[in-house]
Amino acid sequence: MMARILDKDTRIIDIDFGPVSVQVGRVDLEFKPATVSLTKNGTAQLLNSIPVTVQNCGSFIQYSRIDLDFMVKNNEIVIPVDASIQRTSPVPLGYSNNGNNFDQIEEFIYVFTRPLNNTNLAASINGEYYETLRDMGLDRSEGPVVGGAGGNLAEQVAGLAGWPNQSQCIYAEKRMYSYNESLGATQSNGQLEGAPANITYNTLMGMPVLDSVTTWGAMEGITGPNLHCYRVVINRTQTFPALANVFTNVAVAGDTKLDFPPVSIRFLCKDPDYSEGQYLTRLANAMNNIAEDGPTA
């Protein structure tokens, strides 16, 4: 994907994530899912997904790199003056039966001028990096120091480039989804029949509701050579804390299906008419934490 040229001073930078349909299943008396499937064309952009028998199975990361090399070759720089974020649905469509209805579903969009450590993110099979990705893209945000296997978790996620700061974050968005049991059919609200000793469904929930949307980022000048874009979904719908005799839904099998919609992020950009010095300063601010000969995406 590249920037589209409207005229000599105007560009549209278009970032697209395809839809992903996630289905997870859990057997009775288990705290984690036993089956998972991810389908639809957005799976072609998957950088990572959490496998079965692991906490938060059904979570995933999509990645897209936008090629802006021509801007560097031409000494071009543009600054976003407007951002349009479009979805075909405000929430993921689907259902959740006998699931974790108290934890929220989290979705993040990040547009960086530099990559994270994609090699480590792609290789992870334990989901240890997902919650670390919650806090990026502001000057005072920081990653955790202690990591798995005795390593520095922040370095494992962001590489030697350091934690992304605000100058390196063009745009970021976080969405929170939750289940409202008053909108579902449950044993407790009387909409489901069944004797306590022979319950197949304890809770039947439809689509989650949108709780909140938060955005941040610099919206500063873009000069390339690339934009690195991530969509992170943390899905706990069939994962429970390992606490025996606490959660009624653990006693019965559960399954959840969520269709995460496609997302389009468009920046309308104008030429800020920077001087050569301003251009070089912006380029340095966008890329200055990348170590020489360090790992790249």
Protein backbone atom coordinates (compact mmCIF):
# COMPACT_ATOMS: atom_id res chain seq x y z
CA MET A 1 0.00 0.00 0.00
CA MET A 2 1.24 3.51 -0.79
CA ALA A 3 0.16 7.12 -0.53
CA ARG A 4 -2.20 8.29 -3.24
CA ILE A 5 -1.25 11.55 -4.95
CA LEU A 6 -4.18 13.96 -5.34
CA ASP A 7 -2.13 16.95 -6.45
CA LYS A 8 1.40 18.25 -5.96
CA ASP A 9 0.67 19.30 -2.35
CA THR A 10 -1.95 16.74 -1.26
CA ARG A 11 -1.70 13.03 -0.43
CA ILE A 12 -4.07 10.41 0.99
CA ILE A 13 -2.38 7.68 3.00
CA ASP A 14 -4.71 4.68 3.23
CA ILE A 15 -4.21 1.86 5.74
CA ASP A 16 -6.47 -1.20 5.64
CA PHE A 17 -6.93 -4.17 7.93
CA GLY A 18 -9.05 -7.06 6.69
CA PRO A 19 -11.79 -8.76 8.74
CA VAL A 20 -10.94 -11.63 11.08
CA SER A 21 -13.48 -14.17 12.35
CA VAL A 22 -12.43 -15.80 15.62
CA GLN A 23 -14.11 -18.89 17.09
CA VAL A 24 -12.95 -20.43 20.37
CA GLY A 25 -14.38 -23.40 22.25
CA ARG A 26 -13.87 -24.59 25.82
CA VAL A 27 -14.79 -27.91 27.42
CA ASP A 28 -16.52 -28.09 30.78
CA LEU A 29 -14.44 -27.67 33.95
CA GLU A 30 -11.55 -26.10 31.99
CA PHE A 31 -10.27 -22.54 32.42
CA LYS A 32 -8.80 -22.13 28.90
CA PRO A 33 -10.07 -22.84 25.37
CA ALA A 34 -9.51 -26.23 23.76
CA THR A 35 -10.22 -25.20 20.15
CA VAL A 36 -9.65 -22.07 18.09
CA SER A 37 -10.02 -21.02 14.45
CA LEU A 38 -9.30 -17.74 12.68
CA THR A 39 -10.74 -17.18 9.21
CA LYS A 40 -11.49 -14.44 6.60
CA ASN A 41 -9.07 -12.45 4.49
CA GLY A 42 -7.60 -10.49 7.39
CA THR A 43 -5.71 -13.64 8.42
CA ALA A 44 -3.27 -12.87 5.59
CA GLN A 45 -2.08 -9.93 7.73
CA LEU A 46 -1.66 -11.95 10.93
CA LEU A 47 1.64 -11.39 12.70
CA ASN A 48 0.66 -13.54 15.68
CA SER A 49 -2.28 -15.34 17.27
CA ILE A 50 -2.50 -17.09 20.64
CA PRO A 51 -2.97 -20.87 20.24
CA VAL A 52 -5.19 -23.29 22.15
CA THR A 53 -4.62 -24.20 25.83
CA VAL A 54 -2.98 -20.78 26.39
CA GLN A 55 -4.52 -17.92 28.37
CA ASN A 56 -6.38 -15.45 26.14
CA CYS A 57 -6.51 -17.88 23.23
CA GLY A 58 -8.30 -16.18 20.34
CA SER A 59 -6.26 -12.96 20.63
CA PHE A 60 -4.33 -11.84 17.55
CA ILE A 61 -2.06 -9.17 16.02
CA GLN A 62 -2.35 -7.92 12.44
CA TYR A 63 0.49 -6.01 10.77
CA SER A 64 0.67 -3.87 7.65
CA ARG A 65 3.64 -1.93 6.28
CA ILE A 66 2.98 1.14 4.14
CA ASP A 67 5.71 1.81 1.55
CA LEU A 68 6.62 5.51 1.41
CA ASP A 69 10.12 5.09 0.02
CA PHE A 70 9.36 7.44 -2.87
CA MET A 71 8.87 10.27 -0.37
CA VAL A 72 12.39 9.81 1.00
CA LYS A 73 13.86 9.68 -2.51
CA ASN A 74 12.10 12.94 -3.40
CA ASN A 75 12.77 14.65 -0.03
CA GLU A 76 9.00 14.89 0.49
CA ILE A 77 7.22 15.39 3.78
CA VAL A 78 3.48 15.68 4.42
CA ILE A 79 1.53 16.43 7.57
CA PRO A 80 -1.88 14.88 8.36
CA VAL A 81 -4.62 17.50 8.58
CA ASP A 82 -7.51 15.05 8.99
CA ALA A 83 -7.97 11.40 9.95
CA SER A 84 -10.92 9.19 8.97
CA ILE A 85 -11.33 5.80 10.67
CA GLN A 86 -14.03 3.60 9.16
CA ARG A 87 -15.53 0.25 10.15
CA THR A 88 -18.47 -1.70 8.81
CA SER A 89 -19.60 -2.33 12.40
CA PRO A 90 -18.90 -0.49 15.67
CA VAL A 91 -18.46 -3.83 17.50
CA PRO A 92 -17.43 -7.38 16.55
CA LEU A 93 -20.51 -9.37 15.54
CA GLY A 94 -21.23 -12.83 16.91
CA TYR A 95 -22.12 -14.54 20.18
CA SER A 96 -20.64 -15.94 23.37
CA ASN A 97 -22.09 -18.91 25.28
CA ASN A 98 -21.04 -19.72 28.85
CA GLY A 99 -18.10 -17.38 28.51
CA ASN A 100 -16.09 -14.91 30.55
CA ASN A 101 -18.57 -12.04 30.69
CA PHE A 102 -16.70 -9.89 33.23
CA ASP A 103 -13.46 -9.18 31.32
CA GLN A 104 -13.52 -6.67 28.50
CA ILE A 105 -12.33 -7.25 24.94
CA GLU A 106 -9.57 -4.81 23.97
CA GLU A 107 -8.68 -3.64 20.46
CA PHE A 108 -5.76 -1.35 19.59
CA ILE A 109 -4.70 0.35 16.37
CA TYR A 110 -1.14 1.74 16.15
CA VAL A 111 0.42 3.67 13.25
CA PHE A 112 4.16 4.05 13.90
CA THR A 113 7.00 5.56 11.87
CA ARG A 114 9.21 2.67 13.01
CA PRO A 115 8.61 -1.02 13.62
CA LEU A 116 8.38 -3.04 16.79
CA ASN A 117 10.41 -6.24 17.10
CA ASN A 118 8.25 -8.18 14.66
CA THR A 119 10.55 -11.21 14.83
CA ASN A 120 9.79 -11.74 18.52
CA LEU A 121 6.11 -10.86 18.19
CA ALA A 122 5.66 -13.39 15.38
CA ALA A 123 7.51 -16.15 17.25
CA SER A 124 5.61 -15.82 20.54
CA ILE A 125 3.42 -18.83 21.41
CA ASN A 126 2.51 -17.90 24.99
CA GLY A 127 0.85 -14.51 24.47
CA GLU A 128 3.30 -12.89 26.89
CA TYR A 129 3.62 -9.70 24.84
CA TYR A 130 -0.02 -8.76 24.30
CA GLU A 131 -0.73 -6.83 27.47
CA THR A 132 2.61 -5.03 27.08
CA LEU A 133 1.27 -3.49 23.84
CA ARG A 134 -1.37 -1.51 25.77
CA ASP A 135 0.93 1.40 26.59
CA MET A 136 2.78 2.87 23.62
CA GLY A 137 3.06 6.09 21.70
CA LEU A 138 3.25 8.84 24.32
CA ASP A 139 6.44 10.46 25.59
CA ARG A 140 5.97 9.27 29.19
CA SER A 141 4.75 5.77 28.36
CA GLU A 142 7.16 2.95 29.12
CA GLY A 143 7.42 -0.78 28.77
CA PRO A 144 8.02 -3.30 31.56
CA VAL A 145 11.60 -4.13 32.46
CA VAL A 146 11.32 -7.69 33.73
CA GLY A 147 10.41 -10.22 31.07
CA GLY A 148 10.02 -13.92 30.53
CA ALA A 149 13.04 -16.21 30.47
CA GLY A 150 15.05 -13.57 32.34
CA GLY A 151 14.91 -11.05 29.52
CA ASN A 152 13.94 -7.41 29.25
CA LEU A 153 10.32 -7.55 28.08
CA ALA A 154 10.35 -4.00 26.69
CA GLU A 155 13.39 -4.81 24.57
CA GLN A 156 11.83 -8.07 23.42
CA VAL A 157 8.75 -6.17 22.20
CA ALA A 158 10.29 -2.97 20.82
CA GLY A 159 13.79 -4.20 20.04
CA LEU A 160 16.89 -2.04 20.41
CA ALA A 161 14.92 0.88 19.00
CA GLY A 162 13.48 1.62 22.44
CA TRP A 163 9.88 2.22 23.44
CA PRO A 164 7.88 4.15 20.77
CA ASN A 165 7.44 7.80 21.77
CA GLN A 166 4.88 10.35 20.61
CA SER A 167 6.94 11.60 17.67
CA GLN A 168 7.04 8.03 16.37
CA CYS A 169 3.29 7.45 16.82
CA ILE A 170 1.25 9.11 14.07
CA TYR A 171 -2.06 7.75 15.37
CA ALA A 172 -3.29 5.28 18.00
CA GLU A 173 -6.74 4.11 19.05
CA LYS A 174 -8.08 1.85 21.77
CA ARG A 175 -11.59 0.38 21.84
CA MET A 176 -13.14 -1.51 24.76
CA TYR A 177 -16.02 -3.97 24.33
CA SER A 178 -17.98 -5.74 27.06
CA TYR A 179 -20.96 -8.03 27.63
CA ASN A 180 -24.05 -6.77 29.44
CA GLU A 181 -25.91 -9.68 31.01
CA SER A 182 -29.11 -7.67 31.11
CA LEU A 183 -29.07 -7.89 27.29
CA GLY A 184 -28.44 -11.64 27.25
CA ALA A 185 -30.32 -14.78 28.20
CA THR A 186 -29.07 -16.25 31.48
CA GLN A 187 -30.15 -18.59 34.22
CA SER A 188 -29.94 -15.75 36.71
CA ASN A 189 -32.25 -13.39 34.82
CA GLY A 190 -34.81 -16.12 34.16
CA GLN A 191 -34.58 -16.19 30.36
CA LEU A 192 -33.09 -19.70 30.27
CA GLU A 193 -34.77 -22.87 31.53
CA GLY A 194 -33.00 -25.81 33.13
CA ALA A 195 -32.57 -27.50 36.46
CA PRO A 196 -29.33 -26.55 38.22
CA ALA A 197 -28.10 -30.17 38.03
CA ASN A 198 -28.62 -30.39 34.27
CA ILE A 199 -27.64 -27.02 32.76
CA THR A 200 -26.25 -26.89 29.21
CA TYR A 201 -26.35 -23.12 28.91
CA ASN A 202 -25.80 -20.88 31.88
CA THR A 203 -25.41 -17.67 29.84
CA LEU A 204 -26.19 -16.95 26.18
CA MET A 205 -24.82 -13.59 25.04
CA GLY A 206 -25.16 -11.90 21.67
CA MET A 207 -22.83 -9.18 20.42
CA PRO A 208 -20.73 -7.17 22.89
CA VAL A 209 -21.36 -3.44 23.37
CA LEU A 210 -18.87 -0.64 22.76
CA ASP A 211 -17.76 0.80 26.10
CA SER A 212 -15.24 3.45 25.11
CA VAL A 213 -12.91 4.76 22.40
CA THR A 214 -9.64 6.55 23.20
CA THR A 215 -7.27 8.09 20.63
CA TRP A 216 -3.82 9.63 20.83
CA GLY A 217 -0.79 10.29 18.64
CA ALA A 218 1.33 13.11 17.24
CA MET A 219 -0.23 13.57 13.76
CA GLU A 220 3.19 14.97 12.85
CA GLY A 221 4.93 15.15 9.50
CA ILE A 222 5.27 11.87 7.59
CA THR A 223 8.32 11.35 5.42
CA GLY A 224 8.79 7.59 5.16
CA PRO A 225 10.42 5.32 4.31
CA ASN A 226 7.59 3.28 5.85
CA LEU A 227 4.65 3.38 8.21
CA HIS A 228 4.28 0.34 10.45
CA CYS A 229 0.68 -0.41 11.40
CA TYR A 230 -0.58 -2.84 14.03
CA ARG A 231 -4.03 -4.04 15.07
CA VAL A 232 -3.98 -5.84 18.43
CA VAL A 233 -7.00 -7.70 19.84
CA ILE A 234 -6.95 -9.11 23.39
CA ASN A 235 -9.76 -11.67 23.62
CA ARG A 236 -10.52 -13.33 26.98
CA THR A 237 -14.05 -14.51 26.18
CA GLN A 238 -13.35 -18.19 27.00
CA THR A 239 -10.44 -17.71 29.42
CA PHE A 240 -11.04 -17.73 33.19
CA PRO A 241 -8.73 -17.19 36.16
CA ALA A 242 -7.74 -20.62 37.53
CA LEU A 243 -9.91 -20.33 40.66
CA ALA A 244 -11.79 -23.52 41.51
CA ASN A 245 -15.50 -23.29 42.43
CA VAL A 246 -15.69 -19.56 41.74
CA PHE A 247 -17.17 -19.10 38.23
CA THR A 248 -20.45 -20.82 37.40
CA ASN A 249 -19.69 -20.83 33.66
CA VAL A 250 -16.55 -22.91 34.14
CA ALA A 251 -18.69 -25.93 35.02
CA VAL A 252 -20.24 -26.02 31.53
CA ALA A 253 -18.70 -26.04 28.05
CA GLY A 254 -18.57 -22.70 26.24
CA ASP A 255 -17.96 -21.28 22.78
CA THR A 256 -17.56 -17.79 21.35
CA LYS A 257 -17.60 -16.49 17.79
CA LEU A 258 -16.56 -12.89 17.03
CA ASP A 259 -16.34 -11.34 13.58
CA PHE A 260 -13.98 -8.37 13.80
CA PRO A 261 -14.84 -5.99 10.93
CA PRO A 262 -12.46 -4.52 8.37
CA VAL A 263 -10.85 -1.22 9.35
CA SER A 264 -9.79 1.63 7.06
CA ILE A 265 -7.59 4.46 8.38
CA ARG A 266 -7.16 7.40 6.02
CA PHE A 267 -4.97 10.44 6.53
CA LEU A 268 -5.55 13.53 4.38
CA CYS A 269 -2.11 15.11 4.20
CA LYS A 270 -0.75 18.45 3.02
CA ASP A 271 2.70 19.73 2.26
CA PRO A 272 3.80 21.76 5.32
CA ASP A 273 6.46 23.56 3.24
CA TYR A 274 9.24 22.71 5.69
CA SER A 275 12.72 24.03 5.21
CA GLU A 276 15.54 21.52 4.71
CA GLY A 277 16.47 21.87 8.38
CA GLN A 278 12.91 21.26 9.53
CA TYR A 279 12.69 18.25 7.22
CA LEU A 280 15.87 16.70 8.64
CA THR A 281 14.75 17.40 12.22
CA ARG A 282 11.41 15.68 11.65
CA LEU A 283 13.11 12.71 9.98
CA ALA A 284 15.47 12.39 12.96
CA ASN A 285 12.61 12.61 15.49
CA ALA A 286 10.72 9.88 13.67
CA MET A 287 13.65 7.48 13.43
CA ASN A 288 16.25 8.53 16.03
CA ASN A 289 15.81 5.56 18.39
CA ILE A 290 16.64 2.92 15.78
CA ALA A 291 20.06 1.59 16.68
CA GLU A 292 22.64 1.28 13.89
CA ASP A 293 22.63 -2.33 12.64
CA GLY A 294 19.78 -3.07 15.06
CA PRO A 295 16.88 -5.39 14.28
CA THR A 296 14.20 -4.10 11.93
CA ALA A 297 10.87 -5.43 10.70
